[in-house]
C-alpha atoms as a PDB file:
ATOM      1  CA  MET A   1       5.908  20.616   6.324  1.00  0.00           C
ATOM      2  CA  LYS A   2       8.358  17.795   5.743  1.00  0.00           C
ATOM      3  CA  ASN A   3      11.792  18.584   4.380  1.00  0.00           C
ATOM      4  CA  VAL A   4      13.007  17.486   0.966  1.00  0.00           C
ATOM      5  CA  TYR A   5      16.260  15.550   1.231  1.00  0.00           C
ATOM      6  CA  ILE A   6      18.787  15.029  -1.534  1.00  0.00           C
ATOM      7  CA  GLY A   7      19.724  11.367  -1.704  1.00  0.00           C
ATOM      8  CA  GLU A   8      22.154   9.347  -3.778  1.00  0.00           C
ATOM      9  CA  ILE A   9      21.329   6.017  -5.390  1.00  0.00           C
ATOM     10  CA  LEU A  10      23.559   3.247  -4.046  1.00  0.00           C
ATOM     11  CA  ARG A  11      21.805   0.378  -5.804  1.00  0.00           C
ATOM     12  CA  ASN A  12      19.105   0.059  -8.454  1.00  0.00           C
ATOM     13  CA  GLU A  13      18.612  -3.420  -9.844  1.00  0.00           C
ATOM     14  CA  GLU A  14      15.956  -5.895 -10.892  1.00  0.00           C
ATOM     15  CA  ILE A  15      15.274  -8.458  -8.177  1.00  0.00           C
ATOM     16  CA  ALA A  16      12.195 -10.158  -9.633  1.00  0.00           C
ATOM     17  CA  GLN A  17      10.060  -9.989 -12.769  1.00  0.00           C
ATOM     18  CA  ASP A  18       9.822  -6.231 -13.579  1.00  0.00           C
ATOM     19  CA  CYS A  19      10.448  -5.472  -9.899  1.00  0.00           C
ATOM     20  CA  PHE A  20      13.368  -3.298  -8.864  1.00  0.00           C
ATOM     21  CA  LEU A  21      15.035  -2.502  -5.563  1.00  0.00           C
ATOM     22  CA  MET A  22      16.473   0.982  -5.157  1.00  0.00           C
ATOM     23  CA  ARG A  23      18.737   1.803  -2.222  1.00  0.00           C
ATOM     24  CA  VAL A  24      19.161   5.493  -1.457  1.00  0.00           C
ATOM     25  CA  ALA A  25      21.744   7.084   0.845  1.00  0.00           C
ATOM     26  CA  LEU A  26      20.445  10.064   2.827  1.00  0.00           C
ATOM     27  CA  HIS A  27      21.732  12.640   5.266  1.00  0.00           C
ATOM     28  CA  VAL A  28      21.885  11.461   8.859  1.00  0.00           C
ATOM     29  CA  SER A  29      19.178  14.003   9.791  1.00  0.00           C
ATOM     30  CA  PHE A  30      16.517  11.992   7.916  1.00  0.00           C
ATOM     31  CA  THR A  31      13.867  10.792  10.386  1.00  0.00           C
ATOM     32  CA  ASP A  32      13.548   7.053  10.978  1.00  0.00           C
ATOM     33  CA  PRO A  33      10.394   5.930   9.136  1.00  0.00           C
ATOM     34  CA  ARG A  34       7.825   3.748  10.855  1.00  0.00           C
ATOM     35  CA  PRO A  35       6.759   0.540   9.110  1.00  0.00           C
ATOM     36  CA  GLY A  36       3.957   1.420   6.716  1.00  0.00           C
ATOM     37  CA  GLN A  37       5.110   4.969   6.059  1.00  0.00           C
ATOM     38  CA  PHE A  38       6.258   6.020   2.600  1.00  0.00           C
ATOM     39  CA  VAL A  39       8.345   8.622   0.779  1.00  0.00           C
ATOM     40  CA  MET A  40       7.822  10.666  -2.378  1.00  0.00           C
ATOM     41  CA  LEU A  41      10.735  10.390  -4.808  1.00  0.00           C
ATOM     42  CA  ARG A  42      11.713  12.537  -7.760  1.00  0.00           C
ATOM     43  CA  VAL A  43      14.884  12.489  -9.854  1.00  0.00           C
ATOM     44  CA  SER A  44      16.897  15.680  -9.386  1.00  0.00           C
ATOM     45  CA  GLY A  45      17.256  17.761 -12.551  1.00  0.00           C
ATOM     46  CA  LEU A  46      14.925  15.690 -14.747  1.00  0.00           C
ATOM     47  CA  ALA A  47      11.778  17.184 -16.268  1.00  0.00           C
ATOM     48  CA  GLU A  48      10.274  13.710 -16.714  1.00  0.00           C
ATOM     49  CA  PRO A  49       8.592  12.215 -14.812  1.00  0.00           C
ATOM     50  CA  LEU A  50       7.139  15.561 -13.716  1.00  0.00           C
ATOM     51  CA  LEU A  51       5.478  14.393 -10.509  1.00  0.00           C
ATOM     52  CA  SER A  52       7.090  12.652  -7.566  1.00  0.00           C
ATOM     53  CA  ARG A  53       6.239   8.985  -7.086  1.00  0.00           C
ATOM     54  CA  PRO A  54       5.210   7.308  -3.802  1.00  0.00           C
ATOM     55  CA  PHE A  55       7.362   4.441  -2.532  1.00  0.00           C
ATOM     56  CA  SER A  56       6.777   2.270   0.517  1.00  0.00           C
ATOM     57  CA  VAL A  57       9.856   1.836   2.669  1.00  0.00           C
ATOM     58  CA  CYS A  58      10.917  -1.813   2.783  1.00  0.00           C
ATOM     59  CA  SER A  59      14.098  -1.346   4.816  1.00  0.00           C
ATOM     60  CA  PHE A  60      15.916   1.396   6.676  1.00  0.00           C
ATOM     61  CA  GLU A  61      19.408   1.385   8.160  1.00  0.00           C
ATOM     62  CA  ARG A  62      21.147   4.030  10.214  1.00  0.00           C
ATOM     63  CA  GLN A  63      24.881   4.370  10.762  1.00  0.00           C
ATOM     64  CA  ASN A  64      26.876   7.009  12.622  1.00  0.00           C
ATOM     65  CA  ARG A  65      27.138   9.518   9.792  1.00  0.00           C
ATOM     66  CA  SER A  66      24.595   8.351   7.242  1.00  0.00           C
ATOM     67  CA  CYS A  67      21.439   6.377   6.687  1.00  0.00           C
ATOM     68  CA  SER A  68      19.869   4.520   3.789  1.00  0.00           C
ATOM     69  CA  LEU A  69      16.466   3.231   2.792  1.00  0.00           C
ATOM     70  CA  ASP A  70      15.382   0.507   0.395  1.00  0.00           C
ATOM     71  CA  LEU A  71      12.433   0.996  -1.951  1.00  0.00           C
ATOM     72  CA  PHE A  72      10.667  -1.538  -4.176  1.00  0.00           C
ATOM     73  CA  TYR A  73       8.965  -0.498  -7.402  1.00  0.00           C
ATOM     74  CA  HIS A  74       7.267  -2.238 -10.300  1.00  0.00           C
ATOM     75  CA  VAL A  75       8.037  -1.175 -13.874  1.00  0.00           C
ATOM     76  CA  ILE A  76       4.643  -0.596 -15.483  1.00  0.00           C
ATOM     77  CA  GLY A  77       4.916   2.638 -17.476  1.00  0.00           C
ATOM     78  CA  ARG A  78       7.093   5.410 -18.828  1.00  0.00           C
ATOM     79  CA  GLY A  79       7.902   6.901 -15.429  1.00  0.00           C
ATOM     80  CA  THR A  80       9.053   3.672 -13.806  1.00  0.00           C
ATOM     81  CA  GLN A  81      10.969   2.729 -16.960  1.00  0.00           C
ATOM     82  CA  ILE A  82      12.987   5.921 -16.489  1.00  0.00           C
ATOM     83  CA  LEU A  83      13.588   5.035 -12.842  1.00  0.00           C
ATOM     84  CA  ALA A  84      14.787   1.555 -13.807  1.00  0.00           C
ATOM     85  CA  GLY A  85      17.505   3.107 -15.965  1.00  0.00           C
ATOM     86  CA  LEU A  86      18.981   5.290 -13.239  1.00  0.00           C
ATOM     87  CA  LEU A  87      22.596   4.539 -12.374  1.00  0.00           C
ATOM     88  CA  LYS A  88      24.447   4.350  -9.087  1.00  0.00           C
ATOM     89  CA  GLY A  89      25.381   7.862  -7.995  1.00  0.00           C
ATOM     90  CA  THR A  90      22.281   9.544  -9.447  1.00  0.00           C
ATOM     91  CA  GLN A  91      20.800  12.175  -7.155  1.00  0.00           C
ATOM     92  CA  VAL A  92      17.132  11.957  -6.169  1.00  0.00           C
ATOM     93  CA  GLU A  93      14.835  14.167  -4.103  1.00  0.00           C
ATOM     94  CA  ILE A  94      13.123  12.442  -1.186  1.00  0.00           C
ATOM     95  CA  LEU A  95      10.154  13.890   0.714  1.00  0.00           C
ATOM     96  CA  GLY A  96       9.268  12.024   3.874  1.00  0.00           C
ATOM     97  CA  PRO A  97       8.715   9.940   5.784  1.00  0.00           C
ATOM     98  CA  LEU A  98       5.008  10.482   5.168  1.00  0.00           C
ATOM     99  CA  GLY A  99       1.682   9.048   6.235  1.00  0.00           C
ATOM    100  CA  ARG A 100       0.389   6.944   9.091  1.00  0.00           C
ATOM    101  CA  GLY A 101       2.218   3.676   9.598  1.00  0.00           C
ATOM    102  CA  PHE A 102       1.300   0.417  11.275  1.00  0.00           C
ATOM    103  CA  GLU A 103       0.516   0.465  14.977  1.00  0.00           C
ATOM    104  CA  VAL A 104       2.324  -2.403  16.643  1.00  0.00           C
ATOM    105  CA  ALA A 105      -0.007  -3.834  19.263  1.00  0.00           C
ATOM    106  CA  GLY A 106       1.122  -5.025  22.680  1.00  0.00           C
ATOM    107  CA  HIS A 107       1.955  -8.663  23.176  1.00  0.00           C
ATOM    108  CA  LYS A 108      -0.108 -11.051  21.076  1.00  0.00           C
ATOM    109  CA  LYS A 109       0.246 -14.822  20.993  1.00  0.00           C
ATOM    110  CA  ASN A 110       0.016 -14.801  17.192  1.00  0.00           C
ATOM    111  CA  ILE A 111       1.133 -12.175  14.680  1.00  0.00           C
ATOM    112  CA  VAL A 112       0.028 -12.754  11.092  1.00  0.00           C
ATOM    113  CA  LEU A 113       1.205 -10.851   8.011  1.00  0.00           C
ATOM    114  CA  LEU A 114      -0.369 -11.235   4.552  1.00  0.00           C
ATOM    115  CA  GLY A 115       1.427  -9.769   1.554  1.00  0.00           C
ATOM    116  CA  GLY A 116       0.501  -9.838  -2.108  1.00  0.00           C
ATOM    117  CA  GLY A 117       2.626  -8.617  -5.016  1.00  0.00           C
ATOM    118  CA  MET A 118       4.212  -5.215  -4.421  1.00  0.00           C
ATOM    119  CA  GLY A 119       2.349  -5.062  -1.116  1.00  0.00           C
ATOM    120  CA  MET A 120       5.310  -6.968   0.279  1.00  0.00           C
ATOM    121  CA  ALA A 121       7.377  -3.776   0.626  1.00  0.00           C
ATOM    122  CA  PRO A 122       5.927  -2.269   3.841  1.00  0.00           C
ATOM    123  CA  LEU A 123       5.402  -5.713   5.344  1.00  0.00           C
ATOM    124  CA  ILE A 124       9.063  -6.657   4.986  1.00  0.00           C
ATOM    125  CA  TYR A 125       9.994  -3.571   6.980  1.00  0.00           C
ATOM    126  CA  LEU A 126       7.273  -4.346   9.532  1.00  0.00           C
ATOM    127  CA  ALA A 127       8.496  -7.937   9.811  1.00  0.00           C
ATOM    128  CA  MET A 128      12.033  -6.719  10.482  1.00  0.00           C
ATOM    129  CA  GLN A 129      10.801  -4.413  13.243  1.00  0.00           C
ATOM    130  CA  LEU A 130       8.605  -7.108  14.798  1.00  0.00           C
ATOM    131  CA  ASN A 131      11.559  -9.461  14.769  1.00  0.00           C
ATOM    132  CA  LYS A 132      13.485  -6.938  16.905  1.00  0.00           C
ATOM    133  CA  ASP A 133      10.587  -5.930  19.146  1.00  0.00           C
ATOM    134  CA  ALA A 134      10.703  -7.242  22.704  1.00  0.00           C
ATOM    135  CA  CYS A 135       6.899  -7.542  22.896  1.00  0.00           C
ATOM    136  CA  SER A 136       6.928  -9.820  19.849  1.00  0.00           C
ATOM    137  CA  SER A 137       9.824 -12.004  20.988  1.00  0.00           C
ATOM    138  CA  SER A 138       7.538 -14.623  22.519  1.00  0.00           C
ATOM    139  CA  SER A 139       4.891 -14.419  19.779  1.00  0.00           C
ATOM    140  CA  ALA A 140       4.375 -17.005  17.071  1.00  0.00           C
ATOM    141  CA  MET A 141       4.795 -15.042  13.832  1.00  0.00           C
ATOM    142  CA  TYR A 142       3.422 -16.116  10.455  1.00  0.00           C
ATOM    143  CA  PHE A 143       3.869 -14.640   6.993  1.00  0.00           C
ATOM    144  CA  TYR A 144       1.560 -15.513   4.080  1.00  0.00           C
ATOM    145  CA  LEU A 145       3.212 -14.441   0.839  1.00  0.00           C
ATOM    146  CA  GLY A 146       1.398 -14.411  -2.505  1.00  0.00           C
ATOM    147  CA  ALA A 147       2.459 -13.619  -6.075  1.00  0.00           C
ATOM    148  CA  GLN A 148       1.390 -14.298  -9.657  1.00  0.00           C
ATOM    149  CA  ASN A 149       4.238 -16.744 -10.274  1.00  0.00           C
ATOM    150  CA  ALA A 150       7.643 -17.787  -8.932  1.00  0.00           C
ATOM    151  CA  GLU A 151       9.442 -15.082 -10.923  1.00  0.00           C
ATOM    152  CA  ALA A 152       7.319 -12.381  -9.276  1.00  0.00           C
ATOM    153  CA  VAL A 153       7.998 -13.433  -5.672  1.00  0.00           C
ATOM    154  CA  ILE A 154       9.824 -10.713  -3.736  1.00  0.00           C
ATOM    155  CA  GLY A 155      11.128 -10.512  -0.196  1.00  0.00           C
ATOM    156  CA  LEU A 156      11.408 -14.232   0.467  1.00  0.00           C
ATOM    157  CA  GLU A 157      15.152 -14.175   1.109  1.00  0.00           C
ATOM    158  CA  GLN A 158      14.790 -11.352   3.632  1.00  0.00           C
ATOM    159  CA  LEU A 159      11.980 -13.178   5.428  1.00  0.00           C
ATOM    160  CA  LYS A 160      13.977 -16.396   5.719  1.00  0.00           C
ATOM    161  CA  LYS A 161      16.414 -14.531   7.976  1.00  0.00           C
ATOM    162  CA  LEU A 162      13.620 -13.665  10.426  1.00  0.00           C
ATOM    163  CA  SER A 163      11.668 -15.660  13.012  1.00  0.00           C
ATOM    164  CA  PHE A 164       8.586 -16.178  10.847  1.00  0.00           C
ATOM    165  CA  THR A 165       6.815 -19.314   9.694  1.00  0.00           C
ATOM    166  CA  ILE A 166       6.422 -18.619   5.969  1.00  0.00           C
ATOM    167  CA  PHE A 167       3.664 -19.824   3.654  1.00  0.00           C
ATOM    168  CA  THR A 168       4.094 -19.076  -0.049  1.00  0.00           C
ATOM    169  CA  CYS A 169       1.541 -19.352  -2.819  1.00  0.00           C
ATOM    170  CA  THR A 170       1.334 -18.382  -6.478  1.00  0.00           C
ATOM    171  CA  ASP A 171      -1.553 -18.042  -8.880  1.00  0.00           C
ATOM    172  CA  ASP A 172      -0.087 -20.675 -11.207  1.00  0.00           C
ATOM    173  CA  GLY A 173       1.405 -22.988  -8.586  1.00  0.00           C
ATOM    174  CA  SER A 174       4.993 -22.436  -9.744  1.00  0.00           C
ATOM    175  CA  MET A 175       6.065 -21.798  -6.121  1.00  0.00           C
ATOM    176  CA  GLY A 176       4.376 -22.972  -2.956  1.00  0.00           C
ATOM    177  CA  GLU A 177       0.671 -23.752  -3.008  1.00  0.00           C
ATOM    178  CA  LYS A 178      -1.477 -22.886  -5.979  1.00  0.00           C
ATOM    179  CA  GLY A 179      -4.069 -20.250  -5.181  1.00  0.00           C
ATOM    180  CA  LEU A 180      -4.640 -16.827  -3.702  1.00  0.00           C
ATOM    181  CA  VAL A 181      -2.963 -15.792  -0.486  1.00  0.00           C
ATOM    182  CA  THR A 182      -6.334 -15.121   1.158  1.00  0.00           C
ATOM    183  CA  GLN A 183      -7.474 -18.661   0.321  1.00  0.00           C
ATOM    184  CA  ILE A 184      -4.353 -20.148   1.884  1.00  0.00           C
ATOM    185  CA  PHE A 185      -4.810 -18.006   4.984  1.00  0.00           C
ATOM    186  CA  LEU A 186      -8.488 -18.971   5.278  1.00  0.00           C
ATOM    187  CA  LYS A 187      -7.507 -22.630   5.638  1.00  0.00           C
ATOM    188  CA  ASP A 188      -5.520 -21.762   8.775  1.00  0.00           C
ATOM    189  CA  LEU A 189      -7.832 -19.131  10.239  1.00  0.00           C
ATOM    190  CA  LYS A 190      -9.416 -21.348  12.880  1.00  0.00           C
ATOM    191  CA  LYS A 191      -6.096 -22.035  14.578  1.00  0.00           C
ATOM    192  CA  PHE A 192      -5.775 -18.337  15.466  1.00  0.00           C
ATOM    193  CA  VAL A 193      -7.811 -17.099  18.453  1.00  0.00           C
ATOM    194  CA  PRO A 194      -9.155 -13.558  17.760  1.00  0.00           C
ATOM    195  CA  GLY A 195      -8.203 -12.070  21.128  1.00  0.00           C
ATOM    196  CA  GLU A 196      -4.694 -13.490  20.869  1.00  0.00           C
ATOM    197  CA  THR A 197      -3.999 -12.558  17.241  1.00  0.00           C
ATOM    198  CA  MET A 198      -3.026  -9.425  15.305  1.00  0.00           C
ATOM    199  CA  ILE A 199      -3.211  -9.322  11.501  1.00  0.00           C
ATOM    200  CA  TYR A 200      -1.401  -6.944   9.136  1.00  0.00           C
ATOM    201  CA  ALA A 201      -1.879  -6.944   5.362  1.00  0.00           C
ATOM    202  CA  CYS A 202      -0.910  -5.117   2.191  1.00  0.00           C
ATOM    203  CA  GLY A 203      -1.550  -5.939  -1.436  1.00  0.00           C
ATOM    204  CA  PRO A 204      -3.843  -5.278  -4.387  1.00  0.00           C
ATOM    205  CA  LYS A 205      -7.309  -3.990  -3.548  1.00  0.00           C
ATOM    206  CA  PRO A 206      -9.071  -7.250  -4.609  1.00  0.00           C
ATOM    207  CA  MET A 207      -6.881  -9.151  -2.145  1.00  0.00           C
ATOM    208  CA  LEU A 208      -7.646  -6.766   0.723  1.00  0.00           C
ATOM    209  CA  SER A 209     -11.337  -6.757  -0.159  1.00  0.00           C
ATOM    210  CA  ALA A 210     -11.359 -10.566  -0.027  1.00  0.00           C
ATOM    211  CA  LEU A 211      -9.621 -10.468   3.352  1.00  0.00           C
ATOM    212  CA  ALA A 212     -12.192  -7.980   4.647  1.00  0.00           C
ATOM    213  CA  LYS A 213     -14.973 -10.345   3.575  1.00  0.00           C
ATOM    214  CA  ILE A 214     -13.302 -13.230   5.403  1.00  0.00           C
ATOM    215  CA  LEU A 215     -12.930 -11.212   8.608  1.00  0.00           C
ATOM    216  CA  GLN A 216     -16.159  -9.178   8.530  1.00  0.00           C
ATOM    217  CA  LYS A 217     -18.097 -11.423  10.923  1.00  0.00           C
ATOM    218  CA  THR A 218     -15.153 -12.155  13.194  1.00  0.00           C
ATOM    219  CA  LYS A 219     -13.355 -10.237  15.924  1.00  0.00           C
ATOM    220  CA  TYR A 220      -9.857 -10.438  14.465  1.00  0.00           C
ATOM    221  CA  PRO A 221      -8.096  -7.048  14.578  1.00  0.00           C
ATOM    222  CA  CYS A 222      -6.514  -6.230  11.235  1.00  0.00           C
ATOM    223  CA  GLN A 223      -4.576  -3.264   9.867  1.00  0.00           C
ATOM    224  CA  VAL A 224      -4.204  -2.847   6.115  1.00  0.00           C
ATOM    225  CA  SER A 225      -1.924  -0.620   4.060  1.00  0.00           C
ATOM    226  CA  LEU A 226      -3.640   0.680   0.919  1.00  0.00           C
ATOM    227  CA  GLU A 227      -2.002   1.083  -2.480  1.00  0.00           C
ATOM    228  CA  GLU A 228      -3.292   4.169  -4.305  1.00  0.00           C
ATOM    229  CA  ARG A 229      -1.971   6.579  -6.921  1.00  0.00           C
ATOM    230  CA  MET A 230      -0.686   9.767  -5.290  1.00  0.00           C
ATOM    231  CA  ALA A 231       0.308  13.099  -6.768  1.00  0.00           C
ATOM    232  CA  CYS A 232       1.397  15.149  -3.761  1.00  0.00           C
ATOM    233  CA  GLY A 233       1.795  12.769  -0.821  1.00  0.00           C
ATOM    234  CA  ILE A 234       0.738  15.394   1.739  1.00  0.00           C
ATOM    235  CA  GLY A 235      -3.056  15.499   1.401  1.00  0.00           C
ATOM    236  CA  ALA A 236      -3.357  18.665  -0.677  1.00  0.00           C
ATOM    237  CA  CYS A 237      -4.595  17.324  -4.022  1.00  0.00           C
ATOM    238  CA  LEU A 238      -7.223  14.831  -2.734  1.00  0.00           C
ATOM    239  CA  GLY A 239      -6.307  12.483  -5.579  1.00  0.00           C
ATOM    240  CA  CYS A 240      -5.990   9.438  -3.327  1.00  0.00           C
ATOM    241  CA  ALA A 241      -9.249   9.715  -1.361  1.00  0.00           C
ATOM    242  CA  VAL A 242     -11.011   6.482  -0.370  1.00  0.00           C
ATOM    243  CA  ALA A 243     -14.487   5.904   0.996  1.00  0.00           C
ATOM    244  CA  VAL A 244     -14.693   5.067   4.694  1.00  0.00           C
ATOM    245  CA  LYS A 245     -17.567   4.232   7.018  1.00  0.00           C
ATOM    246  CA  ARG A 246     -19.177   6.733   9.331  1.00  0.00           C
ATOM    247  CA  SER A 247     -20.929   5.867  12.563  1.00  0.00           C
ATOM    248  CA  LYS A 248     -24.240   5.850  10.672  1.00  0.00           C
ATOM    249  CA  LYS A 249     -24.430   2.873   8.339  1.00  0.00           C
ATOM    250  CA  SER A 250     -26.202   4.838   5.608  1.00  0.00           C
ATOM    251  CA  SER A 251     -23.556   7.512   5.147  1.00  0.00           C
ATOM    252  CA  LEU A 252     -20.004   7.626   3.816  1.00  0.00           C
ATOM    253  CA  ALA A 253     -17.005   9.826   4.337  1.00  0.00           C
ATOM    254  CA  TYR A 254     -13.701  10.090   2.526  1.00  0.00           C
ATOM    255  CA  LYS A 255     -10.147  10.009   3.802  1.00  0.00           C
ATOM    256  CA  ARG A 256      -6.843  10.692   2.083  1.00  0.00           C
ATOM    257  CA  VAL A 257      -4.625   7.638   1.794  1.00  0.00           C
ATOM    258  CA  CYS A 258      -1.456   9.756   1.881  1.00  0.00           C
ATOM    259  CA  ALA A 259      -2.294  11.830   4.970  1.00  0.00           C
ATOM    260  CA  ASP A 260      -4.845   9.762   6.918  1.00  0.00           C
ATOM    261  CA  GLY A 261      -3.251   6.459   5.895  1.00  0.00           C
ATOM    262  CA  PRO A 262      -1.925   4.542   4.108  1.00  0.00           C
ATOM    263  CA  VAL A 263      -2.619   2.237   7.072  1.00  0.00           C
ATOM    264  CA  PHE A 264      -6.247   1.830   8.147  1.00  0.00           C
ATOM    265  CA  ASP A 265      -8.322  -0.548  10.209  1.00  0.00           C
ATOM    266  CA  ILE A 266      -9.733  -3.036   7.721  1.00  0.00           C
ATOM    267  CA  ASN A 267     -13.284  -2.425   8.975  1.00  0.00           C
ATOM    268  CA  GLU A 268     -13.045   1.316   8.354  1.00  0.00           C
ATOM    269  CA  ILE A 269     -12.781   1.025   4.560  1.00  0.00           C
ATOM    270  CA  VAL A 270     -15.768   0.702   2.231  1.00  0.00           C
ATOM    271  CA  TRP A 271     -14.787  -2.242   0.028  1.00  0.00           C
ATOM    272  CA  LYS A 272     -16.560  -2.155  -3.324  1.00  0.00           C
END
């Protein structure tokens, strides 16, 4: 069982349209999270929101006597509205790191990341780790970033500091190309050789489903991080189960996003 850590908010501010970044200081004993892992967060001493909320880790820093992690969240309801009002110095309870993160493959000629909306969070952390990784130092790295509009773009400033070729697109054309991130990626697909390329993606389910359709008759390896509502974060409540394929084409199985994921092979998921 993972330990619950008491953290202190160092920063909690809006960085894009209804999108906030929260930085939390934690005890030095907190385990370094892998890219793609997440934490469950709850405000200490508050009755509302009752349940902890899942947050993908978008950055983690360790110093001699402390460590801190950055979390993105989107204000969409009562619970996240409460979080947005929390001040510097507020104590929070952190459970984690949890889940199965991305598996960084050995050397690949091309590394491609596709992020949509709030799906940028785990990919920013992954991009930072890939940028440091010796096996990736000679790889050509590409990041396809999609959002509804220019005001909703997150993570671009962090990515500009890394060794990635960045392609941006928005639904309304207010930044970068106009269109969906999967459409922009599809235009470039032929320049990537399957055996020399690794793809990582995170975003809304329609985006990942579209990517799965693009790749279904190809041999491109692709890992995706799923976004699902979670109540416990440890696999006990089964509230985040998703359908996956069994060896027999006619049958289905279910896996828990929190415990078995949130990262899966794109071909393992049953996309509806």
